[in-house]
Amino acid sequence: MSDPDPVDGDLVRLWPRVGRGPRREGLFALWLTLRVALDLTLDPPLAERAARRRQTALERRLSSLTLPPPLRRALTAALQQIREEGASGLPIVLANLVAPVREATGPEAADLVLQLTRQARLRSRVPSR
């Protein structure tokens, strides 16, 4: 991705506004998951082994966080879809996160995920150069 990364900008700016506890850990877990998901869009792509290692590390990290149950289920499902479908499934992975993110962390984070979903859909329609 050549444009500024909204995950490292907008999402991180939400942290100070979120109190401690499951909501903050949910925002952190979302950030970690989006980083791994957006790695699928890198050009050149990560080596397959490196991508698998990052996904495994994410899975371990998510298991140690206290997350609201809907968000935990959504992030676990997202990680599974990333493993199975790779970059081709990214728009669906992101779209499936919007509602649980809205419920668990608030509308600002959900709007960011929705924006990323739209960008992923546009990228998947544009033929490679």
C-alpha atoms as a PDB file:
ATOM      1  CA  MET A   1       0.000   0.000   0.000  1.00  0.00           C
ATOM      2  CA  SER A   2       1.510   3.262  -1.051  1.00  0.00           C
ATOM      3  CA  ASP A   3      -0.940   5.607   0.710  1.00  0.00           C
ATOM      4  CA  PRO A   4      -0.611   6.424   4.430  1.00  0.00           C
ATOM      5  CA  ASP A   5      -1.611   3.479   6.556  1.00  0.00           C
ATOM      6  CA  PRO A   6      -4.883   4.253   8.378  1.00  0.00           C
ATOM      7  CA  VAL A   7      -4.280   1.379  10.777  1.00  0.00           C
ATOM      8  CA  ASP A   8      -1.145   2.984  12.152  1.00  0.00           C
ATOM      9  CA  GLY A   9      -2.680   6.458  12.077  1.00  0.00           C
ATOM     10  CA  ASP A  10      -6.394   6.678  12.731  1.00  0.00           C
ATOM     11  CA  LEU A  11      -6.789   3.490  14.744  1.00  0.00           C
ATOM     12  CA  VAL A  12      -3.857   4.212  17.035  1.00  0.00           C
ATOM     13  CA  ARG A  13      -5.222   7.711  17.686  1.00  0.00           C
ATOM     14  CA  LEU A  14      -8.332   6.097  19.194  1.00  0.00           C
ATOM     15  CA  TRP A  15      -6.389   4.410  22.024  1.00  0.00           C
ATOM     16  CA  PRO A  16      -6.182   7.430  24.355  1.00  0.00           C
ATOM     17  CA  ARG A  17      -9.977   7.853  24.142  1.00  0.00           C
ATOM     18  CA  VAL A  18     -10.685   4.258  25.163  1.00  0.00           C
ATOM     19  CA  GLY A  19     -10.569   3.327  28.837  1.00  0.00           C
ATOM     20  CA  ARG A  20      -8.617   0.391  30.159  1.00  0.00           C
ATOM     21  CA  GLY A  21     -10.068  -3.086  30.019  1.00  0.00           C
ATOM     22  CA  PRO A  22     -11.668  -5.277  27.364  1.00  0.00           C
ATOM     23  CA  ARG A  23     -12.533  -2.358  25.096  1.00  0.00           C
ATOM     24  CA  ARG A  24      -8.909  -1.188  24.889  1.00  0.00           C
ATOM     25  CA  GLU A  25      -7.648  -4.743  24.498  1.00  0.00           C
ATOM     26  CA  GLY A  26     -10.248  -5.205  21.757  1.00  0.00           C
ATOM     27  CA  LEU A  27      -8.890  -2.172  19.932  1.00  0.00           C
ATOM     28  CA  PHE A  28      -5.352  -3.539  20.308  1.00  0.00           C
ATOM     29  CA  ALA A  29      -6.436  -6.959  19.014  1.00  0.00           C
ATOM     30  CA  LEU A  30      -8.142  -5.285  16.056  1.00  0.00           C
ATOM     31  CA  TRP A  31      -4.965  -3.347  15.294  1.00  0.00           C
ATOM     32  CA  LEU A  32      -2.884  -6.532  15.371  1.00  0.00           C
ATOM     33  CA  THR A  33      -5.362  -8.391  13.155  1.00  0.00           C
ATOM     34  CA  LEU A  34      -5.590  -5.572  10.618  1.00  0.00           C
ATOM     35  CA  ARG A  35      -1.785  -5.397  10.410  1.00  0.00           C
ATOM     36  CA  VAL A  36      -1.647  -9.107   9.511  1.00  0.00           C
ATOM     37  CA  ALA A  37      -4.597  -8.790   7.097  1.00  0.00           C
ATOM     38  CA  LEU A  38      -3.135  -5.766   5.323  1.00  0.00           C
ATOM     39  CA  ASP A  39       0.189  -7.559   4.938  1.00  0.00           C
ATOM     40  CA  LEU A  40      -1.631  -9.526   2.246  1.00  0.00           C
ATOM     41  CA  THR A  41      -1.669  -6.361   0.128  1.00  0.00           C
ATOM     42  CA  LEU A  42       2.094  -5.769   0.215  1.00  0.00           C
ATOM     43  CA  ASP A  43       3.937  -5.550  -3.069  1.00  0.00           C
ATOM     44  CA  PRO A  44       6.121  -7.594  -3.161  1.00  0.00           C
ATOM     45  CA  PRO A  45       4.210  -9.969  -0.892  1.00  0.00           C
ATOM     46  CA  LEU A  46       5.675 -11.442   2.259  1.00  0.00           C
ATOM     47  CA  ALA A  47       7.259 -14.830   1.902  1.00  0.00           C
ATOM     48  CA  GLU A  48       4.741 -17.576   2.654  1.00  0.00           C
ATOM     49  CA  ARG A  49       6.710 -18.771   5.663  1.00  0.00           C
ATOM     50  CA  ALA A  50       6.891 -15.248   7.130  1.00  0.00           C
ATOM     51  CA  ALA A  51       3.144 -14.760   6.618  1.00  0.00           C
ATOM     52  CA  ARG A  52       2.384 -18.061   8.376  1.00  0.00           C
ATOM     53  CA  ARG A  53       4.627 -17.105  11.296  1.00  0.00           C
ATOM     54  CA  ARG A  54       2.892 -13.745  11.697  1.00  0.00           C
ATOM     55  CA  GLN A  55      -0.508 -15.430  11.627  1.00  0.00           C
ATOM     56  CA  THR A  56       0.582 -17.954  14.257  1.00  0.00           C
ATOM     57  CA  ALA A  57       2.006 -15.177  16.448  1.00  0.00           C
ATOM     58  CA  LEU A  58      -1.269 -13.264  16.107  1.00  0.00           C
ATOM     59  CA  GLU A  59      -3.264 -16.313  17.133  1.00  0.00           C
ATOM     60  CA  ARG A  60      -1.129 -16.761  20.261  1.00  0.00           C
ATOM     61  CA  ARG A  61      -1.383 -13.079  21.161  1.00  0.00           C
ATOM     62  CA  LEU A  62      -5.157 -12.967  20.703  1.00  0.00           C
ATOM     63  CA  SER A  63      -5.562 -15.916  23.064  1.00  0.00           C
ATOM     64  CA  SER A  64      -3.929 -13.949  25.893  1.00  0.00           C
ATOM     65  CA  LEU A  65      -6.101 -10.826  25.588  1.00  0.00           C
ATOM     66  CA  THR A  66      -9.353 -10.161  27.423  1.00  0.00           C
ATOM     67  CA  LEU A  67     -11.755  -9.421  24.576  1.00  0.00           C
ATOM     68  CA  PRO A  68     -15.503  -8.993  24.356  1.00  0.00           C
ATOM     69  CA  PRO A  69     -16.875 -12.368  23.151  1.00  0.00           C
ATOM     70  CA  PRO A  70     -18.340 -11.110  19.833  1.00  0.00           C
ATOM     71  CA  LEU A  71     -15.031  -9.514  18.909  1.00  0.00           C
ATOM     72  CA  ARG A  72     -13.033 -12.602  19.918  1.00  0.00           C
ATOM     73  CA  ARG A  73     -15.224 -14.777  17.679  1.00  0.00           C
ATOM     74  CA  ALA A  74     -14.969 -12.309  14.792  1.00  0.00           C
ATOM     75  CA  LEU A  75     -11.178 -11.984  15.004  1.00  0.00           C
ATOM     76  CA  THR A  76     -10.737 -15.752  15.253  1.00  0.00           C
ATOM     77  CA  ALA A  77     -12.938 -16.223  12.180  1.00  0.00           C
ATOM     78  CA  ALA A  78     -11.042 -13.463  10.357  1.00  0.00           C
ATOM     79  CA  LEU A  79      -7.722 -15.157  11.035  1.00  0.00           C
ATOM     80  CA  GLN A  80      -9.088 -18.464   9.771  1.00  0.00           C
ATOM     81  CA  GLN A  81     -10.364 -16.816   6.569  1.00  0.00           C
ATOM     82  CA  ILE A  82      -7.014 -15.108   6.042  1.00  0.00           C
ATOM     83  CA  ARG A  83      -5.296 -18.484   6.289  1.00  0.00           C
ATOM     84  CA  GLU A  84      -7.713 -20.166   3.883  1.00  0.00           C
ATOM     85  CA  GLU A  85      -8.341 -17.465   1.289  1.00  0.00           C
ATOM     86  CA  GLY A  86      -5.412 -15.079   1.476  1.00  0.00           C
ATOM     87  CA  ALA A  87      -5.679 -11.695  -0.236  1.00  0.00           C
ATOM     88  CA  SER A  88      -8.676 -12.712  -2.354  1.00  0.00           C
ATOM     89  CA  GLY A  89     -10.855 -12.974   0.746  1.00  0.00           C
ATOM     90  CA  LEU A  90      -9.695  -9.710   2.336  1.00  0.00           C
ATOM     91  CA  PRO A  91     -12.828  -7.639   1.501  1.00  0.00           C
ATOM     92  CA  ILE A  92     -15.059 -10.295   3.071  1.00  0.00           C
ATOM     93  CA  VAL A  93     -12.811 -10.641   6.129  1.00  0.00           C
ATOM     94  CA  LEU A  94     -12.931  -6.904   6.732  1.00  0.00           C
ATOM     95  CA  ALA A  95     -16.675  -6.612   6.083  1.00  0.00           C
ATOM     96  CA  ASN A  96     -17.363  -9.340   8.639  1.00  0.00           C
ATOM     97  CA  LEU A  97     -15.477  -7.368  11.282  1.00  0.00           C
ATOM     98  CA  VAL A  98     -17.501  -4.138  11.044  1.00  0.00           C
ATOM     99  CA  ALA A  99     -20.479  -5.077  13.261  1.00  0.00           C
ATOM    100  CA  PRO A 100     -18.513  -6.807  16.061  1.00  0.00           C
ATOM    101  CA  VAL A 101     -15.991  -3.960  16.098  1.00  0.00           C
ATOM    102  CA  ARG A 102     -18.810  -1.404  16.374  1.00  0.00           C
ATOM    103  CA  GLU A 103     -20.308  -3.323  19.299  1.00  0.00           C
ATOM    104  CA  ALA A 104     -17.034  -3.958  21.129  1.00  0.00           C
ATOM    105  CA  THR A 105     -14.903  -0.860  20.505  1.00  0.00           C
ATOM    106  CA  GLY A 106     -17.205   1.830  19.168  1.00  0.00           C
ATOM    107  CA  PRO A 107     -18.285   3.519  15.952  1.00  0.00           C
ATOM    108  CA  GLU A 108     -14.964   5.227  15.143  1.00  0.00           C
ATOM    109  CA  ALA A 109     -13.083   1.951  14.866  1.00  0.00           C
ATOM    110  CA  ALA A 110     -15.964   0.369  12.940  1.00  0.00           C
ATOM    111  CA  ASP A 111     -15.940   3.261  10.474  1.00  0.00           C
ATOM    112  CA  LEU A 112     -12.224   2.731   9.922  1.00  0.00           C
ATOM    113  CA  VAL A 113     -12.778  -0.981   9.222  1.00  0.00           C
ATOM    114  CA  LEU A 114     -15.599  -0.054   6.837  1.00  0.00           C
ATOM    115  CA  GLN A 115     -13.262   2.346   5.024  1.00  0.00           C
ATOM    116  CA  LEU A 116     -10.616  -0.392   4.742  1.00  0.00           C
ATOM    117  CA  THR A 117     -13.297  -2.760   3.424  1.00  0.00           C
ATOM    118  CA  ARG A 118     -14.211  -0.333   0.653  1.00  0.00           C
ATOM    119  CA  GLN A 119     -10.553   0.137  -0.267  1.00  0.00           C
ATOM    120  CA  ALA A 120     -10.010  -3.630  -0.374  1.00  0.00           C
ATOM    121  CA  ARG A 121     -13.060  -4.089  -2.621  1.00  0.00           C
ATOM    122  CA  LEU A 122     -11.788  -1.422  -5.017  1.00  0.00           C
ATOM    123  CA  ARG A 123      -8.343  -3.001  -5.117  1.00  0.00           C
ATOM    124  CA  SER A 124      -9.778  -6.439  -5.797  1.00  0.00           C
ATOM    125  CA  ARG A 125     -11.678  -5.067  -8.824  1.00  0.00           C
ATOM    126  CA  VAL A 126      -8.713  -3.210 -10.312  1.00  0.00           C
ATOM    127  CA  PRO A 127      -6.617  -5.446 -12.598  1.00  0.00           C
ATOM    128  CA  SER A 128      -2.938  -5.768 -11.722  1.00  0.00           C
ATOM    129  CA  ARG A 129      -0.488  -3.698 -13.760  1.00  0.00           C
END
